[in-house]
Amino acid sequence: MIELGGTQSQAPAGDLIKDVTEENFMQDVIDASQEVPVIVDFWATWCGPCKTLGPMLEKAVTEARGAVKLAKIDVDQNQRLAQALAQQGLPLQSIPTVVAFVQGRPIDMFQGAVPASELDAFIRKAIEAGGGDTSNGLDDAVAAAEEMLEQGAAADAAETYAAILQEDPAHAAAYAGLVRSNLALGQIDQAEAILNGAPAEISTAPELEAAHAQIELARQAADAGPVAELEARVEADPDDHEARFDLARALHAKGDVEGAIDQLLDLFRRDREWNEGAAKAQLLTIFEALDAKDPIALRGRRKLSSMIFA
């Protein structure tokens, strides 16, 4: 596994994850949280959800590379401590209960097993509350891979995205980047297989929704007709909707995204119901494939909206 950015070395698991009792609670939770956030897992051996959540917590804390620590408290073995904390306001009536301590105070909590995405968000919030960096170098690695992809080094970008996913298997931007890298290499089936293998908790992430649209457009590009011939057909008969639609697909396949959008907007203006609203559907697919802040997408969406609500 390669190292991805950052200067922080990974701390030994023994320093990050500890079994805490009444005797060392002040030292390993209250005092320790003055330096770095401490996630406290209240659990018991008989608790089914605890057996699911515990390994997830340990994995997430280990991957945070020292930005946060984990204290595990068996409530059966530490009943007096649990009662004292409950009397101070911590709701420990059910387990698992997970509490984030920052600078000696509880700042957030949840109860029961939660999806990995929610757990990651909880830990990021704790790290940020403690003034820490939540990127662990992965954001820098994603930016570097994006630059490789823009410069045409799709194979190098794919390798970097794959390494990021080894560090964080639920990194939506890395999954989407790996899909786009394979599309750039002409490997549409492989790109689709990668996307289909994404964890369920990130399946609706905007980056992956965009990747779905990009795959659909890539498959269309394989069947796109010659631009010049389609342009001639449209010029000869501006109401040849099929030719205009095919021209839009051909323009997009050649990289003229703005030209494709213009043709589809013209088709929508002429007959918005043609082929069960195909022009609008294709426009939305193109918009989905683009970055939400892309000026071409923003312009196209505004024009489409003005036509819809005119």
C-alpha atoms as a PDB file:
ATOM      1  CA  MET A   1       0.000   0.000   0.000  1.00  0.00           C
ATOM      2  CA  ILE A   2       1.502   3.338  -0.969  1.00  0.00           C
ATOM      3  CA  GLU A   3       1.502   6.411   1.244  1.00  0.00           C
ATOM      4  CA  LEU A   4      -0.704   9.241   0.037  1.00  0.00           C
ATOM      5  CA  GLY A   5       0.424  12.717   0.926  1.00  0.00           C
ATOM      6  CA  GLY A   6       0.513  14.244   4.387  1.00  0.00           C
ATOM      7  CA  THR A   7       3.383  14.294   6.835  1.00  0.00           C
ATOM      8  CA  GLN A   8       1.642  12.617   9.732  1.00  0.00           C
ATOM      9  CA  SER A   9       2.857   9.062  10.315  1.00  0.00           C
ATOM     10  CA  GLN A  10       0.365   6.431  11.382  1.00  0.00           C
ATOM     11  CA  ALA A  11       0.385   5.951  15.142  1.00  0.00           C
ATOM     12  CA  PRO A  12       0.524   2.440  16.558  1.00  0.00           C
ATOM     13  CA  ALA A  13      -2.935   1.008  17.221  1.00  0.00           C
ATOM     14  CA  GLY A  14      -2.044   0.631  20.906  1.00  0.00           C
ATOM     15  CA  ASP A  15      -1.639   4.386  21.221  1.00  0.00           C
ATOM     16  CA  LEU A  16      -4.901   5.069  19.401  1.00  0.00           C
ATOM     17  CA  ILE A  17      -7.244   2.437  20.845  1.00  0.00           C
ATOM     18  CA  LYS A  18      -7.403   1.659  24.557  1.00  0.00           C
ATOM     19  CA  ASP A  19      -9.611  -0.231  26.980  1.00  0.00           C
ATOM     20  CA  VAL A  20     -10.537   2.366  29.587  1.00  0.00           C
ATOM     21  CA  THR A  21     -11.673   1.815  33.172  1.00  0.00           C
ATOM     22  CA  GLU A  22     -12.635   4.037  36.089  1.00  0.00           C
ATOM     23  CA  GLU A  23      -8.960   4.162  37.112  1.00  0.00           C
ATOM     24  CA  ASN A  24      -7.641   5.609  33.848  1.00  0.00           C
ATOM     25  CA  PHE A  25     -10.746   7.449  32.566  1.00  0.00           C
ATOM     26  CA  MET A  26      -9.452  10.888  33.598  1.00  0.00           C
ATOM     27  CA  GLN A  27      -6.058  10.268  32.030  1.00  0.00           C
ATOM     28  CA  ASP A  28      -7.089   8.539  28.793  1.00  0.00           C
ATOM     29  CA  VAL A  29     -10.293  10.445  28.063  1.00  0.00           C
ATOM     30  CA  ILE A  30     -10.545  13.791  29.852  1.00  0.00           C
ATOM     31  CA  ASP A  31      -6.844  14.681  29.849  1.00  0.00           C
ATOM     32  CA  ALA A  32      -6.102  13.061  26.489  1.00  0.00           C
ATOM     33  CA  SER A  33      -8.945  14.962  24.806  1.00  0.00           C
ATOM     34  CA  GLN A  34      -7.170  18.214  25.631  1.00  0.00           C
ATOM     35  CA  GLU A  35      -4.641  17.239  22.983  1.00  0.00           C
ATOM     36  CA  VAL A  36      -6.688  15.222  20.464  1.00  0.00           C
ATOM     37  CA  PRO A  37     -10.393  14.278  20.265  1.00  0.00           C
ATOM     38  CA  VAL A  38     -11.255  11.022  22.020  1.00  0.00           C
ATOM     39  CA  ILE A  39     -14.141   8.850  20.830  1.00  0.00           C
ATOM     40  CA  VAL A  40     -15.572   6.821  23.716  1.00  0.00           C
ATOM     41  CA  ASP A  41     -17.367   3.566  22.866  1.00  0.00           C
ATOM     42  CA  PHE A  42     -19.640   2.336  25.671  1.00  0.00           C
ATOM     43  CA  TRP A  43     -20.266  -1.357  24.953  1.00  0.00           C
ATOM     44  CA  ALA A  44     -20.882  -4.787  26.500  1.00  0.00           C
ATOM     45  CA  THR A  45     -20.014  -8.341  25.520  1.00  0.00           C
ATOM     46  CA  TRP A  46     -23.690  -9.364  25.214  1.00  0.00           C
ATOM     47  CA  CYS A  47     -24.569  -6.446  22.918  1.00  0.00           C
ATOM     48  CA  GLY A  48     -25.112  -7.564  19.302  1.00  0.00           C
ATOM     49  CA  PRO A  49     -24.861  -4.110  17.649  1.00  0.00           C
ATOM     50  CA  CYS A  50     -21.677  -3.481  19.648  1.00  0.00           C
ATOM     51  CA  LYS A  51     -20.023  -6.402  17.858  1.00  0.00           C
ATOM     52  CA  THR A  52     -20.802  -4.731  14.525  1.00  0.00           C
ATOM     53  CA  LEU A  53     -19.937  -1.181  15.506  1.00  0.00           C
ATOM     54  CA  GLY A  54     -16.751  -1.915  17.461  1.00  0.00           C
ATOM     55  CA  PRO A  55     -14.604  -3.075  14.521  1.00  0.00           C
ATOM     56  CA  MET A  56     -15.963  -0.236  12.374  1.00  0.00           C
ATOM     57  CA  LEU A  57     -14.922   2.299  15.009  1.00  0.00           C
ATOM     58  CA  GLU A  58     -11.471   0.786  15.356  1.00  0.00           C
ATOM     59  CA  LYS A  59     -10.965   0.809  11.597  1.00  0.00           C
ATOM     60  CA  ALA A  60     -12.132   4.431  11.230  1.00  0.00           C
ATOM     61  CA  VAL A  61      -9.943   5.628  14.100  1.00  0.00           C
ATOM     62  CA  THR A  62      -6.905   3.781  12.763  1.00  0.00           C
ATOM     63  CA  GLU A  63      -7.421   5.306   9.324  1.00  0.00           C
ATOM     64  CA  ALA A  64      -7.544   8.783  10.892  1.00  0.00           C
ATOM     65  CA  ARG A  65      -3.805   8.355  11.558  1.00  0.00           C
ATOM     66  CA  GLY A  66      -3.643   9.861  15.032  1.00  0.00           C
ATOM     67  CA  ALA A  67      -6.108  12.707  14.467  1.00  0.00           C
ATOM     68  CA  VAL A  68      -8.462  11.041  16.950  1.00  0.00           C
ATOM     69  CA  LYS A  69      -8.269   8.311  19.619  1.00  0.00           C
ATOM     70  CA  LEU A  70     -10.693   5.601  20.731  1.00  0.00           C
ATOM     71  CA  ALA A  71     -11.485   4.664  24.329  1.00  0.00           C
ATOM     72  CA  LYS A  72     -13.519   1.465  24.810  1.00  0.00           C
ATOM     73  CA  ILE A  73     -15.499   1.142  28.042  1.00  0.00           C
ATOM     74  CA  ASP A  74     -17.192  -2.135  28.952  1.00  0.00           C
ATOM     75  CA  VAL A  75     -20.207  -0.883  30.938  1.00  0.00           C
ATOM     76  CA  ASP A  76     -20.626  -4.217  32.752  1.00  0.00           C
ATOM     77  CA  GLN A  77     -17.059  -4.109  34.027  1.00  0.00           C
ATOM     78  CA  ASN A  78     -17.277  -0.390  34.841  1.00  0.00           C
ATOM     79  CA  GLN A  79     -20.773   0.051  36.245  1.00  0.00           C
ATOM     80  CA  ARG A  80     -19.812   2.708  38.780  1.00  0.00           C
ATOM     81  CA  LEU A  81     -18.134   4.822  36.084  1.00  0.00           C
ATOM     82  CA  ALA A  82     -21.133   4.438  33.769  1.00  0.00           C
ATOM     83  CA  GLN A  83     -23.505   5.457  36.561  1.00  0.00           C
ATOM     84  CA  ALA A  84     -21.401   8.492  37.434  1.00  0.00           C
ATOM     85  CA  LEU A  85     -21.323   9.639  33.809  1.00  0.00           C
ATOM     86  CA  ALA A  86     -25.072   9.070  33.476  1.00  0.00           C
ATOM     87  CA  GLN A  87     -25.634  11.240  36.549  1.00  0.00           C
ATOM     88  CA  GLN A  88     -23.613  13.969  34.845  1.00  0.00           C
ATOM     89  CA  GLY A  89     -25.970  13.932  31.868  1.00  0.00           C
ATOM     90  CA  LEU A  90     -24.675  11.295  29.470  1.00  0.00           C
ATOM     91  CA  PRO A  91     -27.615   9.129  28.299  1.00  0.00           C
ATOM     92  CA  LEU A  92     -26.220   5.643  28.782  1.00  0.00           C
ATOM     93  CA  GLN A  93     -29.508   3.796  29.097  1.00  0.00           C
ATOM     94  CA  SER A  94     -28.808   1.842  25.899  1.00  0.00           C
ATOM     95  CA  ILE A  95     -25.684   0.636  24.146  1.00  0.00           C
ATOM     96  CA  PRO A  96     -23.721   1.017  22.078  1.00  0.00           C
ATOM     97  CA  THR A  97     -23.428   4.688  22.950  1.00  0.00           C
ATOM     98  CA  VAL A  98     -20.574   6.585  21.314  1.00  0.00           C
ATOM     99  CA  VAL A  99     -19.477   9.975  22.640  1.00  0.00           C
ATOM    100  CA  ALA A 100     -16.880  12.378  21.246  1.00  0.00           C
ATOM    101  CA  PHE A 101     -14.840  14.272  23.847  1.00  0.00           C
ATOM    102  CA  VAL A 102     -12.934  17.424  22.899  1.00  0.00           C
ATOM    103  CA  GLN A 103     -10.973  19.421  25.481  1.00  0.00           C
ATOM    104  CA  GLY A 104     -12.484  17.429  28.313  1.00  0.00           C
ATOM    105  CA  ARG A 105     -16.122  17.887  27.273  1.00  0.00           C
ATOM    106  CA  PRO A 106     -18.588  15.704  25.335  1.00  0.00           C
ATOM    107  CA  ILE A 107     -19.414  17.546  22.101  1.00  0.00           C
ATOM    108  CA  ASP A 108     -21.380  14.939  20.117  1.00  0.00           C
ATOM    109  CA  MET A 109     -22.822  11.440  20.465  1.00  0.00           C
ATOM    110  CA  PHE A 110     -24.956   8.741  18.867  1.00  0.00           C
ATOM    111  CA  GLN A 111     -26.527   5.457  19.948  1.00  0.00           C
ATOM    112  CA  GLY A 112     -26.846   2.157  18.099  1.00  0.00           C
ATOM    113  CA  ALA A 113     -24.997   0.869  15.058  1.00  0.00           C
ATOM    114  CA  VAL A 114     -24.795   3.358  12.178  1.00  0.00           C
ATOM    115  CA  PRO A 115     -23.629   3.102   8.547  1.00  0.00           C
ATOM    116  CA  ALA A 116     -19.946   3.645   7.822  1.00  0.00           C
ATOM    117  CA  SER A 117     -20.707   6.951   6.089  1.00  0.00           C
ATOM    118  CA  GLU A 118     -22.395   8.344   9.226  1.00  0.00           C
ATOM    119  CA  LEU A 119     -19.564   7.056  11.388  1.00  0.00           C
ATOM    120  CA  ASP A 120     -16.980   8.757   9.178  1.00  0.00           C
ATOM    121  CA  ALA A 121     -18.943  12.023   9.331  1.00  0.00           C
ATOM    122  CA  PHE A 122     -19.118  11.766  13.138  1.00  0.00           C
ATOM    123  CA  ILE A 123     -15.361  11.290  13.393  1.00  0.00           C
ATOM    124  CA  ARG A 124     -14.638  14.113  10.924  1.00  0.00           C
ATOM    125  CA  LYS A 125     -16.820  16.441  12.993  1.00  0.00           C
ATOM    126  CA  ALA A 126     -14.901  15.519  16.139  1.00  0.00           C
ATOM    127  CA  ILE A 127     -11.550  16.067  14.450  1.00  0.00           C
ATOM    128  CA  GLU A 128     -12.651  19.426  13.096  1.00  0.00           C
ATOM    129  CA  ALA A 129     -13.979  20.448  16.536  1.00  0.00           C
ATOM    130  CA  GLY A 130     -10.529  19.690  17.907  1.00  0.00           C
ATOM    131  CA  GLY A 131      -8.879  21.844  15.248  1.00  0.00           C
ATOM    132  CA  GLY A 132      -7.478  18.881  13.331  1.00  0.00           C
ATOM    133  CA  ASP A 133      -7.130  18.136   9.633  1.00  0.00           C
ATOM    134  CA  THR A 134      -9.610  15.574   8.305  1.00  0.00           C
ATOM    135  CA  SER A 135      -8.030  15.030   4.902  1.00  0.00           C
ATOM    136  CA  ASN A 136      -5.116  12.728   5.921  1.00  0.00           C
ATOM    137  CA  GLY A 137      -3.528  13.676   2.618  1.00  0.00           C
ATOM    138  CA  LEU A 138      -6.274  12.037   0.569  1.00  0.00           C
ATOM    139  CA  ASP A 139      -7.700  15.315  -0.696  1.00  0.00           C
ATOM    140  CA  ASP A 140      -4.254  16.285  -1.950  1.00  0.00           C
ATOM    141  CA  ALA A 141      -3.928  12.895  -3.622  1.00  0.00           C
ATOM    142  CA  VAL A 142      -7.308  13.322  -5.340  1.00  0.00           C
ATOM    143  CA  ALA A 143      -6.255  16.755  -6.585  1.00  0.00           C
ATOM    144  CA  ALA A 144      -3.024  15.293  -7.949  1.00  0.00           C
ATOM    145  CA  ALA A 145      -4.923  12.509  -9.721  1.00  0.00           C
ATOM    146  CA  GLU A 146      -7.338  15.042 -11.227  1.00  0.00           C
ATOM    147  CA  GLU A 147      -4.396  16.974 -12.636  1.00  0.00           C
ATOM    148  CA  MET A 148      -2.940  13.781 -14.135  1.00  0.00           C
ATOM    149  CA  LEU A 149      -6.273  13.035 -15.779  1.00  0.00           C
ATOM    150  CA  GLU A 150      -6.559  16.556 -17.188  1.00  0.00           C
ATOM    151  CA  GLN A 151      -3.062  16.245 -18.640  1.00  0.00           C
ATOM    152  CA  GLY A 152      -3.934  12.971 -20.367  1.00  0.00           C
ATOM    153  CA  ALA A 153      -2.089  10.646 -17.998  1.00  0.00           C
ATOM    154  CA  ALA A 154      -5.171   8.484 -17.437  1.00  0.00           C
ATOM    155  CA  ALA A 155      -3.242   5.339 -16.462  1.00  0.00           C
ATOM    156  CA  ASP A 156      -1.268   7.201 -13.779  1.00  0.00           C
ATOM    157  CA  ALA A 157      -4.479   8.819 -12.532  1.00  0.00           C
ATOM    158  CA  ALA A 158      -6.167   5.419 -12.316  1.00  0.00           C
ATOM    159  CA  GLU A 159      -3.285   4.041 -10.258  1.00  0.00           C
ATOM    160  CA  THR A 160      -3.487   6.980  -7.851  1.00  0.00           C
ATOM    161  CA  TYR A 161      -7.255   6.723  -7.465  1.00  0.00           C
ATOM    162  CA  ALA A 162      -6.920   2.990  -6.794  1.00  0.00           C
ATOM    163  CA  ALA A 163      -4.348   3.700  -4.075  1.00  0.00           C
ATOM    164  CA  ILE A 164      -6.686   6.238  -2.474  1.00  0.00           C
ATOM    165  CA  LEU A 165      -9.426   3.614  -2.385  1.00  0.00           C
ATOM    166  CA  GLN A 166      -7.074   1.247  -0.588  1.00  0.00           C
ATOM    167  CA  GLU A 167      -6.792   3.886   2.132  1.00  0.00           C
ATOM    168  CA  ASP A 168     -10.486   4.838   2.089  1.00  0.00           C
ATOM    169  CA  PRO A 169     -12.735   2.293   0.312  1.00  0.00           C
ATOM    170  CA  ALA A 170     -15.740   4.663   0.562  1.00  0.00           C
ATOM    171  CA  HIS A 171     -14.082   7.728  -0.976  1.00  0.00           C
ATOM    172  CA  ALA A 172     -16.714   8.848  -3.501  1.00  0.00           C
ATOM    173  CA  ALA A 173     -14.454  11.257  -5.385  1.00  0.00           C
ATOM    174  CA  ALA A 174     -11.812   8.563  -5.832  1.00  0.00           C
ATOM    175  CA  TYR A 175     -14.385   6.065  -7.103  1.00  0.00           C
ATOM    176  CA  ALA A 176     -15.683   8.611  -9.609  1.00  0.00           C
ATOM    177  CA  GLY A 177     -12.142   9.482 -10.640  1.00  0.00           C
ATOM    178  CA  LEU A 178     -11.277   5.827 -11.215  1.00  0.00           C
ATOM    179  CA  VAL A 179     -14.378   5.513 -13.404  1.00  0.00           C
ATOM    180  CA  ARG A 180     -13.403   8.578 -15.441  1.00  0.00           C
ATOM    181  CA  SER A 181      -9.837   7.328 -15.792  1.00  0.00           C
ATOM    182  CA  ASN A 182     -11.069   4.071 -17.285  1.00  0.00           C
ATOM    183  CA  LEU A 183     -13.415   5.966 -19.609  1.00  0.00           C
ATOM    184  CA  ALA A 184     -10.459   8.057 -20.759  1.00  0.00           C
ATOM    185  CA  LEU A 185      -8.616   4.797 -21.492  1.00  0.00           C
ATOM    186  CA  GLY A 186     -11.588   3.604 -23.554  1.00  0.00           C
ATOM    187  CA  GLN A 187     -12.471   0.887 -21.052  1.00  0.00           C
ATOM    188  CA  ILE A 188     -16.198   1.510 -20.721  1.00  0.00           C
ATOM    189  CA  ASP A 189     -17.102  -1.966 -19.429  1.00  0.00           C
ATOM    190  CA  GLN A 190     -14.372  -1.792 -16.795  1.00  0.00           C
ATOM    191  CA  ALA A 191     -15.547   1.681 -15.768  1.00  0.00           C
ATOM    192  CA  GLU A 192     -19.088   0.395 -15.326  1.00  0.00           C
ATOM    193  CA  ALA A 193     -17.876  -2.619 -13.328  1.00  0.00           C
ATOM    194  CA  ILE A 194     -15.946  -0.295 -10.992  1.00  0.00           C
ATOM    195  CA  LEU A 195     -18.986   1.899 -10.501  1.00  0.00           C
ATOM    196  CA  ASN A 196     -21.220  -1.101  -9.807  1.00  0.00           C
ATOM    197  CA  GLY A 197     -18.754  -2.219  -7.134  1.00  0.00           C
ATOM    198  CA  ALA A 198     -18.970   1.010  -5.149  1.00  0.00           C
ATOM    199  CA  PRO A 199     -20.112   0.609  -1.515  1.00  0.00           C
ATOM    200  CA  ALA A 200     -23.841   1.056  -1.013  1.00  0.00           C
ATOM    201  CA  GLU A 201     -23.381   3.959   1.388  1.00  0.00           C
ATOM    202  CA  ILE A 202     -21.899   6.175  -1.353  1.00  0.00           C
ATOM    203  CA  SER A 203     -24.021   4.938  -4.259  1.00  0.00           C
ATOM    204  CA  THR A 204     -26.072   8.141  -4.299  1.00  0.00           C
ATOM    205  CA  ALA A 205     -23.134  10.519  -3.857  1.00  0.00           C
ATOM    206  CA  PRO A 206     -23.130  13.314  -6.479  1.00  0.00           C
ATOM    207  CA  GLU A 207     -19.767  12.156  -7.814  1.00  0.00           C
ATOM    208  CA  LEU A 208     -21.111   8.682  -8.524  1.00  0.00           C
ATOM    209  CA  GLU A 209     -24.339  10.004 -10.018  1.00  0.00           C
ATOM    210  CA  ALA A 210     -22.144  12.007 -12.383  1.00  0.00           C
ATOM    211  CA  ALA A 211     -20.133   8.884 -13.183  1.00  0.00           C
ATOM    212  CA  HIS A 212     -23.336   7.065 -14.165  1.00  0.00           C
ATOM    213  CA  ALA A 213     -24.139   9.850 -16.620  1.00  0.00           C
ATOM    214  CA  GLN A 214     -20.578   9.870 -17.978  1.00  0.00           C
ATOM    215  CA  ILE A 215     -20.757   6.140 -18.713  1.00  0.00           C
ATOM    216  CA  GLU A 216     -24.089   6.564 -20.483  1.00  0.00           C
ATOM    217  CA  LEU A 217     -22.667   9.356 -22.649  1.00  0.00           C
ATOM    218  CA  ALA A 218     -19.547   7.318 -23.387  1.00  0.00           C
ATOM    219  CA  ARG A 219     -21.674   4.443 -24.676  1.00  0.00           C
ATOM    220  CA  GLN A 220     -23.632   6.865 -26.848  1.00  0.00           C
ATOM    221  CA  ALA A 221     -20.377   8.237 -28.266  1.00  0.00           C
ATOM    222  CA  ALA A 222     -19.502   4.803 -29.629  1.00  0.00           C
ATOM    223  CA  ASP A 223     -22.563   4.973 -31.889  1.00  0.00           C
ATOM    224  CA  ALA A 224     -22.351   8.650 -32.819  1.00  0.00           C
ATOM    225  CA  GLY A 225     -22.646   9.507 -36.509  1.00  0.00           C
ATOM    226  CA  PRO A 226     -20.469  11.851 -38.607  1.00  0.00           C
ATOM    227  CA  VAL A 227     -20.911  15.488 -37.555  1.00  0.00           C
ATOM    228  CA  ALA A 228     -20.681  16.962 -41.052  1.00  0.00           C
ATOM    229  CA  GLU A 229     -23.353  14.661 -42.458  1.00  0.00           C
ATOM    230  CA  LEU A 230     -25.724  15.358 -39.566  1.00  0.00           C
ATOM    231  CA  GLU A 231     -25.127  19.103 -39.815  1.00  0.00           C
ATOM    232  CA  ALA A 232     -26.071  18.941 -43.495  1.00  0.00           C
ATOM    233  CA  ARG A 233     -29.288  17.102 -42.673  1.00  0.00           C
ATOM    234  CA  VAL A 234     -30.268  19.667 -40.043  1.00  0.00           C
ATOM    235  CA  GLU A 235     -29.448  22.566 -42.353  1.00  0.00           C
ATOM    236  CA  ALA A 236     -31.557  21.010 -45.104  1.00  0.00           C
ATOM    237  CA  ASP A 237     -34.491  20.433 -42.751  1.00  0.00           C
ATOM    238  CA  PRO A 238     -34.394  22.295 -39.408  1.00  0.00           C
ATOM    239  CA  ASP A 239     -37.432  20.272 -38.263  1.00  0.00           C
ATOM    240  CA  ASP A 240     -35.650  16.944 -38.693  1.00  0.00           C
ATOM    241  CA  HIS A 241     -35.655  16.311 -34.964  1.00  0.00           C
ATOM    242  CA  GLU A 242     -33.956  12.943 -35.144  1.00  0.00           C
ATOM    243  CA  ALA A 243     -31.064  14.410 -37.126  1.00  0.00           C
ATOM    244  CA  ARG A 244     -30.711  17.279 -34.630  1.00  0.00           C
ATOM    245  CA  PHE A 245     -30.749  14.874 -31.711  1.00  0.00           C
ATOM    246  CA  ASP A 246     -28.122  12.673 -33.362  1.00  0.00           C
ATOM    247  CA  LEU A 247     -26.076  15.781 -34.162  1.00  0.00           C
ATOM    248  CA  ALA A 248     -26.100  16.731 -30.478  1.00  0.00           C
ATOM    249  CA  ARG A 249     -24.830  13.268 -29.538  1.00  0.00           C
ATOM    250  CA  ALA A 250     -22.123  13.432 -32.214  1.00  0.00           C
ATOM    251  CA  LEU A 251     -20.988  16.887 -31.080  1.00  0.00           C
ATOM    252  CA  HIS A 252     -20.754  15.703 -27.489  1.00  0.00           C
ATOM    253  CA  ALA A 253     -18.749  12.666 -28.595  1.00  0.00           C
ATOM    254  CA  LYS A 254     -16.284  15.039 -30.294  1.00  0.00           C
ATOM    255  CA  GLY A 255     -15.929  17.105 -27.119  1.00  0.00           C
ATOM    256  CA  ASP A 256     -18.149  20.009 -28.160  1.00  0.00           C
ATOM    257  CA  VAL A 257     -20.341  19.925 -25.052  1.00  0.00           C
ATOM    258  CA  GLU A 258     -21.635  23.466 -25.477  1.00  0.00           C
ATOM    259  CA  GLY A 259     -22.578  22.789 -29.120  1.00  0.00           C
ATOM    260  CA  ALA A 260     -24.431  19.637 -28.081  1.00  0.00           C
ATOM    261  CA  ILE A 261     -26.378  21.539 -25.429  1.00  0.00           C
ATOM    262  CA  ASP A 262     -27.312  24.269 -27.921  1.00  0.00           C
ATOM    263  CA  GLN A 263     -28.678  21.728 -30.379  1.00  0.00           C
ATOM    264  CA  LEU A 264     -30.721  19.998 -27.675  1.00  0.00           C
ATOM    265  CA  LEU A 265     -32.088  23.313 -26.405  1.00  0.00           C
ATOM    266  CA  ASP A 266     -33.114  24.179 -29.972  1.00  0.00           C
ATOM    267  CA  LEU A 267     -34.814  20.792 -30.300  1.00  0.00           C
ATOM    268  CA  PHE A 268     -36.607  21.300 -26.971  1.00  0.00           C
ATOM    269  CA  ARG A 269     -37.757  24.740 -28.124  1.00  0.00           C
ATOM    270  CA  ARG A 270     -39.129  23.301 -31.351  1.00  0.00           C
ATOM    271  CA  ASP A 271     -40.876  20.262 -29.844  1.00  0.00           C
ATOM    272  CA  ARG A 272     -40.397  19.524 -26.162  1.00  0.00           C
ATOM    273  CA  GLU A 273     -42.513  16.368 -26.369  1.00  0.00           C
ATOM    274  CA  TRP A 274     -40.614  14.786 -29.270  1.00  0.00           C
ATOM    275  CA  ASN A 275     -39.681  11.164 -28.606  1.00  0.00           C
ATOM    276  CA  GLU A 276     -41.144  11.286 -25.079  1.00  0.00           C
ATOM    277  CA  GLY A 277     -39.100  14.319 -24.075  1.00  0.00           C
ATOM    278  CA  ALA A 278     -35.775  12.943 -25.307  1.00  0.00           C
ATOM    279  CA  ALA A 279     -34.171  16.387 -25.625  1.00  0.00           C
ATOM    280  CA  LYS A 280     -34.798  17.290 -21.992  1.00  0.00           C
ATOM    281  CA  ALA A 281     -33.675  13.847 -20.790  1.00  0.00           C
ATOM    282  CA  GLN A 282     -30.436  14.101 -22.776  1.00  0.00           C
ATOM    283  CA  LEU A 283     -29.795  17.606 -21.470  1.00  0.00           C
ATOM    284  CA  LEU A 284     -30.219  16.428 -17.893  1.00  0.00           C
ATOM    285  CA  THR A 285     -27.809  13.551 -18.519  1.00  0.00           C
ATOM    286  CA  ILE A 286     -25.195  15.986 -19.846  1.00  0.00           C
ATOM    287  CA  PHE A 287     -25.721  18.361 -16.920  1.00  0.00           C
ATOM    288  CA  GLU A 288     -25.394  15.447 -14.477  1.00  0.00           C
ATOM    289  CA  ALA A 289     -22.112  14.404 -16.074  1.00  0.00           C
ATOM    290  CA  LEU A 290     -20.639  17.897 -15.654  1.00  0.00           C
ATOM    291  CA  ASP A 291     -19.438  19.503 -12.451  1.00  0.00           C
ATOM    292  CA  ALA A 292     -22.330  21.307 -10.771  1.00  0.00           C
ATOM    293  CA  LYS A 293     -20.407  24.587 -10.979  1.00  0.00           C
ATOM    294  CA  ASP A 294     -19.341  24.168 -14.604  1.00  0.00           C
ATOM    295  CA  PRO A 295     -20.293  27.426 -16.403  1.00  0.00           C
ATOM    296  CA  ILE A 296     -21.523  25.470 -19.438  1.00  0.00           C
ATOM    297  CA  ALA A 297     -23.833  23.413 -17.240  1.00  0.00           C
ATOM    298  CA  LEU A 298     -25.042  26.482 -15.339  1.00  0.00           C
ATOM    299  CA  ARG A 299     -25.817  28.340 -18.581  1.00  0.00           C
ATOM    300  CA  GLY A 300     -27.571  25.346 -20.054  1.00  0.00           C
ATOM    301  CA  ARG A 301     -29.683  24.773 -16.953  1.00  0.00           C
ATOM    302  CA  ARG A 302     -30.741  28.426 -16.886  1.00  0.00           C
ATOM    303  CA  LYS A 303     -31.779  28.327 -20.545  1.00  0.00           C
ATOM    304  CA  LEU A 304     -33.691  25.092 -20.091  1.00  0.00           C
ATOM    305  CA  SER A 305     -35.468  26.451 -17.016  1.00  0.00           C
ATOM    306  CA  SER A 306     -36.462  29.642 -18.838  1.00  0.00           C
ATOM    307  CA  MET A 307     -38.008  27.536 -21.612  1.00  0.00           C
ATOM    308  CA  ILE A 308     -39.850  25.245 -19.211  1.00  0.00           C
ATOM    309  CA  PHE A 309     -41.358  28.093 -17.205  1.00  0.00           C
ATOM    310  CA  ALA A 310     -41.881  30.526 -20.071  1.00  0.00           C
END
